[in-house]
Amino acid sequence: MNFKYFIPAVLWAALIFALSATPGRHMPDLTFWNLFQPDKVGHLVVYAVLVGAMLWGFHHLRQREKIPRNVITIVVLFAISYGISIEFMQFNFFSGRNFDVIDILANIIGCLIGLLSLRFFKHSV
């Protein structure tokens, strides 16, 4: 298996981890409108890019053949699990960071938005 196609996804995941481990301030109370704060939009974008980068890797690994649906499901579930894990790590291990359900929601929405990147990979679905 040629892992070079996954280097962008691995580097992006490392960047997400590094940014998530950076000390931050306490986040505001949970409300639906908090989903539209710049921080939450950032979560949407970085997780959409993570899913897109992983799908790009599989797209090229399979020599641009159709990506199987089970692989797509695993990619999305992995990215969602990664986002949830980061939130738990922020609460338990990273100073000045906290667990935020709205961040998790933004991460999940970002992962689902990342699925739209399949449209850019010819014959992917």
Protein backbone atom coordinates (compact mmCIF):
# COMPACT_ATOMS: atom_id res chain seq x y z
CA MET A 1 0.00 0.00 0.00
CA ASN A 2 1.42 3.37 -1.00
CA PHE A 3 1.00 5.76 1.93
CA LYS A 4 2.39 8.83 0.16
CA TYR A 5 -1.15 9.79 -0.88
CA PHE A 6 -2.11 10.09 2.78
CA ILE A 7 0.70 12.46 3.76
CA PRO A 8 -1.57 15.54 3.37
CA ALA A 9 -4.24 13.95 5.60
CA VAL A 10 -1.70 12.90 8.24
CA LEU A 11 -0.09 16.35 8.28
CA TRP A 12 -3.52 18.00 8.48
CA ALA A 13 -4.54 15.74 11.37
CA ALA A 14 -1.26 16.63 13.13
CA LEU A 15 -2.01 20.33 12.63
CA ILE A 16 -5.50 19.87 14.09
CA PHE A 17 -3.95 18.12 17.09
CA ALA A 18 -1.32 20.84 17.58
CA LEU A 19 -3.89 23.62 17.37
CA SER A 20 -6.22 21.75 19.72
CA ALA A 21 -3.43 21.28 22.26
CA THR A 22 -2.61 24.99 22.27
CA PRO A 23 -3.82 26.64 25.48
CA GLY A 24 -7.02 28.56 24.91
CA ARG A 25 -9.69 30.46 26.75
CA HIS A 26 -12.92 29.15 28.20
CA MET A 27 -15.57 28.84 25.51
CA PRO A 28 -19.00 30.48 25.87
CA ASP A 29 -22.23 28.74 26.91
CA LEU A 30 -23.81 26.22 24.56
CA THR A 31 -26.35 27.70 22.19
CA PHE A 32 -27.29 27.02 18.59
CA TRP A 33 -26.04 30.48 17.57
CA ASN A 34 -22.55 29.66 18.84
CA LEU A 35 -22.25 27.37 15.82
CA PHE A 36 -21.82 30.49 13.69
CA GLN A 37 -18.89 31.92 15.66
CA PRO A 38 -15.56 32.11 13.79
CA ASP A 39 -14.17 29.35 16.03
CA LYS A 40 -16.96 26.98 15.05
CA VAL A 41 -16.65 27.84 11.37
CA GLY A 42 -12.97 26.97 11.75
CA HIS A 43 -13.97 23.56 13.10
CA LEU A 44 -16.24 23.05 10.09
CA VAL A 45 -13.46 23.92 7.67
CA VAL A 46 -10.62 21.93 9.23
CA TYR A 47 -12.69 18.75 9.51
CA ALA A 48 -14.06 19.15 5.99
CA VAL A 49 -10.46 19.43 4.76
CA LEU A 50 -9.45 16.40 6.84
CA VAL A 51 -12.15 14.23 5.25
CA GLY A 52 -11.34 15.64 1.81
CA ALA A 53 -7.63 14.90 2.26
CA MET A 54 -8.30 11.33 3.35
CA LEU A 55 -10.68 10.76 0.44
CA TRP A 56 -8.09 12.27 -1.91
CA GLY A 57 -5.60 9.71 -0.61
CA PHE A 58 -7.97 6.80 -1.26
CA HIS A 59 -8.91 8.26 -4.64
CA HIS A 60 -5.27 8.21 -5.75
CA LEU A 61 -4.44 4.96 -3.98
CA ARG A 62 -7.17 3.21 -5.94
CA GLN A 63 -5.73 4.74 -9.12
CA ARG A 64 -8.75 6.97 -9.47
CA GLU A 65 -11.22 4.11 -9.42
CA LYS A 66 -14.46 4.31 -7.52
CA ILE A 67 -14.00 4.60 -3.74
CA PRO A 68 -16.07 1.87 -2.05
CA ARG A 69 -18.88 3.10 0.18
CA ASN A 70 -17.52 1.21 3.18
CA VAL A 71 -14.22 3.10 2.82
CA ILE A 72 -16.10 6.40 2.64
CA THR A 73 -18.04 5.45 5.77
CA ILE A 74 -14.84 4.49 7.60
CA VAL A 75 -13.17 7.78 6.60
CA VAL A 76 -16.07 9.86 7.90
CA LEU A 77 -16.43 7.82 11.10
CA PHE A 78 -12.68 8.04 11.71
CA ALA A 79 -12.71 11.84 11.30
CA ILE A 80 -15.73 12.19 13.59
CA SER A 81 -14.08 9.93 16.19
CA TYR A 82 -10.88 11.94 15.90
CA GLY A 83 -12.78 15.18 16.54
CA ILE A 84 -14.58 13.73 19.56
CA SER A 85 -11.31 12.30 20.92
CA ILE A 86 -9.63 15.69 20.60
CA GLU A 87 -12.44 17.26 22.65
CA PHE A 88 -11.97 14.67 25.41
CA MET A 89 -8.19 15.24 25.33
CA GLN A 90 -8.72 18.98 25.62
CA PHE A 91 -10.81 18.44 28.73
CA ASN A 92 -8.47 15.92 30.36
CA PHE A 93 -4.95 16.77 29.24
CA PHE A 94 -4.58 20.23 27.68
CA SER A 95 -4.23 23.22 29.97
CA GLY A 96 -6.66 26.05 29.36
CA ARG A 97 -8.86 23.96 27.05
CA ASN A 98 -12.28 22.47 27.66
CA PHE A 99 -14.81 20.00 26.31
CA ASP A 100 -17.36 21.68 24.03
CA VAL A 101 -20.37 19.88 22.58
CA ILE A 102 -20.83 22.62 19.98
CA ASP A 103 -17.25 21.97 18.79
CA ILE A 104 -18.16 18.31 18.34
CA LEU A 105 -21.27 19.28 16.39
CA ALA A 106 -19.21 21.62 14.20
CA ASN A 107 -16.63 18.85 13.66
CA ILE A 108 -19.34 16.40 12.59
CA ILE A 109 -20.94 18.90 10.22
CA GLY A 110 -17.49 19.65 8.80
CA CYS A 111 -16.89 15.93 8.21
CA LEU A 112 -20.19 15.67 6.37
CA ILE A 113 -19.34 18.75 4.32
CA GLY A 114 -16.05 17.04 3.49
CA LEU A 115 -18.09 14.30 1.83
CA LEU A 116 -19.01 16.88 -0.79
CA SER A 117 -15.40 16.71 -1.94
CA LEU A 118 -16.29 13.38 -3.54
CA ARG A 119 -17.91 15.39 -6.32
CA PHE A 120 -14.43 16.60 -7.24
CA PHE A 121 -13.08 13.07 -7.62
CA LYS A 122 -14.23 11.66 -10.94
CA HIS A 123 -16.03 8.31 -10.59
CA SER A 124 -15.75 8.33 -6.79
CA VAL A 125 -19.30 7.47 -5.88
